[in-house]
C-alpha cells in the first residue's frame, strides 16, 4: 500500500509528521507484507509516480476533503510523528480513522 505523509523535512531520520497547512515535503512510503519497502519524497503531493491509497494526518481537524475526493483512506496519527513510529502504528493497526 502506498501511504502519503505530510512531513516537515526530507531527512528521513529527522522528519516529523506535520499539519497539512505546515507541510514542507510529502513522503510516500510503500508498505508490503508488513515491511517498509521504500520511501520517496516530493514537494507536490500529486507528482508521485504511483497513486497513494492512504494519507496519514496529524489530527482530526485537518482539511482532508481533497483526499476524500480521490477516494483515499484517511488515518490519524495522534501521537506518532516519526516515519518509524507511523509504520509501526500502521502495521499494528494503531492509527485511527478520522473522527468527523
C-alpha atoms as a PDB file:
ATOM      1  CA  UNK A   1       0.000   0.000   0.000  1.00  0.00           C
ATOM      2  CA  UNK A   2       1.242   3.480  -0.864  1.00  0.00           C
ATOM      3  CA  UNK A   3       0.815   5.831   2.092  1.00  0.00           C
ATOM      4  CA  UNK A   4       1.174   9.613   1.854  1.00  0.00           C
ATOM      5  CA  UNK A   5       2.644  11.610   4.754  1.00  0.00           C
ATOM      6  CA  UNK A   6       2.901  15.395   5.178  1.00  0.00           C
ATOM      7  CA  UNK A   7       6.370  15.971   6.638  1.00  0.00           C
ATOM      8  CA  UNK A   8       8.388  18.905   7.939  1.00  0.00           C
ATOM      9  CA  UNK A   9      11.691  17.746   6.354  1.00  0.00           C
ATOM     10  CA  UNK A  10      13.036  15.348   3.707  1.00  0.00           C
ATOM     11  CA  UNK A  11      15.635  13.995   6.162  1.00  0.00           C
ATOM     12  CA  UNK A  12      14.151  10.573   6.912  1.00  0.00           C
ATOM     13  CA  UNK A  13      15.724  10.227  10.367  1.00  0.00           C
ATOM     14  CA  UNK A  14      14.745  13.748  11.485  1.00  0.00           C
ATOM     15  CA  UNK A  15      11.435  14.323   9.690  1.00  0.00           C
ATOM     16  CA  UNK A  16       8.210  14.574  11.652  1.00  0.00           C
ATOM     17  CA  UNK A  17       4.588  14.329  10.627  1.00  0.00           C
ATOM     18  CA  UNK A  18       3.147  17.832  10.454  1.00  0.00           C
ATOM     19  CA  UNK A  19      -0.189  19.528   9.858  1.00  0.00           C
ATOM     20  CA  UNK A  20      -1.319  19.766   6.245  1.00  0.00           C
ATOM     21  CA  UNK A  21      -1.092  23.550   6.380  1.00  0.00           C
ATOM     22  CA  UNK A  22       2.565  23.368   7.516  1.00  0.00           C
ATOM     23  CA  UNK A  23       3.835  20.675   5.122  1.00  0.00           C
ATOM     24  CA  UNK A  24       7.290  21.278   3.645  1.00  0.00           C
ATOM     25  CA  UNK A  25       7.631  17.991   1.772  1.00  0.00           C
ATOM     26  CA  UNK A  26       5.479  14.950   1.093  1.00  0.00           C
ATOM     27  CA  UNK A  27       6.728  11.443   1.777  1.00  0.00           C
ATOM     28  CA  UNK A  28       5.201   8.433   0.088  1.00  0.00           C
ATOM     29  CA  UNK A  29       6.001   5.109   1.664  1.00  0.00           C
ATOM     30  CA  UNK A  30       5.327   1.687   0.254  1.00  0.00           C
ATOM     31  CA  UNK A  31       4.393  -0.930   2.844  1.00  0.00           C
ATOM     32  CA  UNK A  32       4.098  -4.531   1.646  1.00  0.00           C
ATOM     33  CA  UNK A  33       3.755  -7.731   3.659  1.00  0.00           C
ATOM     34  CA  UNK A  34       4.460  -5.969   6.937  1.00  0.00           C
ATOM     35  CA  UNK A  35       7.641  -4.305   5.675  1.00  0.00           C
ATOM     36  CA  UNK A  36       8.556  -0.759   4.709  1.00  0.00           C
ATOM     37  CA  UNK A  37       9.811  -1.250   1.145  1.00  0.00           C
ATOM     38  CA  UNK A  38      10.640   2.299   0.047  1.00  0.00           C
ATOM     39  CA  UNK A  39      10.186   5.969   0.833  1.00  0.00           C
ATOM     40  CA  UNK A  40      10.116   8.689  -1.821  1.00  0.00           C
ATOM     41  CA  UNK A  41       9.811  12.452  -1.376  1.00  0.00           C
ATOM     42  CA  UNK A  42       8.233  15.236  -3.412  1.00  0.00           C
ATOM     43  CA  UNK A  43       7.310  18.861  -2.888  1.00  0.00           C
ATOM     44  CA  UNK A  44       3.971  18.190  -4.648  1.00  0.00           C
ATOM     45  CA  UNK A  45       1.647  15.508  -3.306  1.00  0.00           C
ATOM     46  CA  UNK A  46       0.319  14.793  -6.806  1.00  0.00           C
ATOM     47  CA  UNK A  47       3.674  14.236  -8.532  1.00  0.00           C
ATOM     48  CA  UNK A  48       4.435  10.724  -7.283  1.00  0.00           C
ATOM     49  CA  UNK A  49       4.707   8.015  -9.930  1.00  0.00           C
ATOM     50  CA  UNK A  50       2.265   5.734  -8.081  1.00  0.00           C
ATOM     51  CA  UNK A  51      -1.047   6.898  -6.648  1.00  0.00           C
ATOM     52  CA  UNK A  52      -1.283   6.940  -2.872  1.00  0.00           C
ATOM     53  CA  UNK A  53      -4.069   4.840  -1.387  1.00  0.00           C
ATOM     54  CA  UNK A  54      -3.970   6.372   2.084  1.00  0.00           C
ATOM     55  CA  UNK A  55      -2.934   9.608   3.769  1.00  0.00           C
ATOM     56  CA  UNK A  56      -1.899   9.929   7.409  1.00  0.00           C
ATOM     57  CA  UNK A  57      -2.681  13.241   9.112  1.00  0.00           C
ATOM     58  CA  UNK A  58      -1.643  14.626  12.490  1.00  0.00           C
ATOM     59  CA  UNK A  59      -5.093  15.302  13.958  1.00  0.00           C
ATOM     60  CA  UNK A  60      -8.839  15.109  13.362  1.00  0.00           C
ATOM     61  CA  UNK A  61      -9.130  18.807  12.468  1.00  0.00           C
ATOM     62  CA  UNK A  62      -7.186  18.654   9.197  1.00  0.00           C
ATOM     63  CA  UNK A  63      -8.827  19.709   5.926  1.00  0.00           C
ATOM     64  CA  UNK A  64      -8.921  16.311   4.219  1.00  0.00           C
ATOM     65  CA  UNK A  65     -11.606  16.733   1.535  1.00  0.00           C
ATOM     66  CA  UNK A  66      -9.131  16.803  -1.392  1.00  0.00           C
ATOM     67  CA  UNK A  67      -8.042  13.311  -0.293  1.00  0.00           C
ATOM     68  CA  UNK A  68     -11.605  12.104   0.242  1.00  0.00           C
ATOM     69  CA  UNK A  69     -12.478  13.246  -3.299  1.00  0.00           C
ATOM     70  CA  UNK A  70      -9.717  10.938  -4.562  1.00  0.00           C
ATOM     71  CA  UNK A  71     -11.217   8.065  -2.525  1.00  0.00           C
ATOM     72  CA  UNK A  72      -8.138   7.872  -0.318  1.00  0.00           C
ATOM     73  CA  UNK A  73      -8.358   6.343   3.120  1.00  0.00           C
ATOM     74  CA  UNK A  74      -7.546   8.917   5.825  1.00  0.00           C
ATOM     75  CA  UNK A  75      -5.861   7.766   9.035  1.00  0.00           C
ATOM     76  CA  UNK A  76      -4.896   9.886  12.035  1.00  0.00           C
ATOM     77  CA  UNK A  77      -1.634   9.561  13.953  1.00  0.00           C
ATOM     78  CA  UNK A  78      -2.495  11.324  17.200  1.00  0.00           C
ATOM     79  CA  UNK A  79       0.830  10.650  18.920  1.00  0.00           C
ATOM     80  CA  UNK A  80       3.118   9.177  16.268  1.00  0.00           C
ATOM     81  CA  UNK A  81       5.359  11.670  14.460  1.00  0.00           C
ATOM     82  CA  UNK A  82       8.401   9.836  13.063  1.00  0.00           C
ATOM     83  CA  UNK A  83       8.210   7.632   9.977  1.00  0.00           C
ATOM     84  CA  UNK A  84       9.295   4.598  12.020  1.00  0.00           C
ATOM     85  CA  UNK A  85       6.548   5.195  14.594  1.00  0.00           C
ATOM     86  CA  UNK A  86       3.933   5.691  11.867  1.00  0.00           C
ATOM     87  CA  UNK A  87       4.948   2.481  10.066  1.00  0.00           C
ATOM     88  CA  UNK A  88       4.809   0.543  13.334  1.00  0.00           C
ATOM     89  CA  UNK A  89       1.421   2.038  14.223  1.00  0.00           C
ATOM     90  CA  UNK A  90       0.095   1.225  10.745  1.00  0.00           C
ATOM     91  CA  UNK A  91       1.265  -2.379  10.941  1.00  0.00           C
ATOM     92  CA  UNK A  92      -0.265  -2.864  14.401  1.00  0.00           C
ATOM     93  CA  UNK A  93      -3.454  -1.032  13.407  1.00  0.00           C
ATOM     94  CA  UNK A  94      -2.871   1.724  15.959  1.00  0.00           C
ATOM     95  CA  UNK A  95      -3.668   4.592  13.582  1.00  0.00           C
ATOM     96  CA  UNK A  96      -7.208   5.887  13.961  1.00  0.00           C
ATOM     97  CA  UNK A  97      -9.981   6.537  11.490  1.00  0.00           C
ATOM     98  CA  UNK A  98     -10.928  10.163  11.145  1.00  0.00           C
ATOM     99  CA  UNK A  99     -13.479  11.352  13.719  1.00  0.00           C
ATOM    100  CA  UNK A 100     -15.910  13.577  11.836  1.00  0.00           C
END
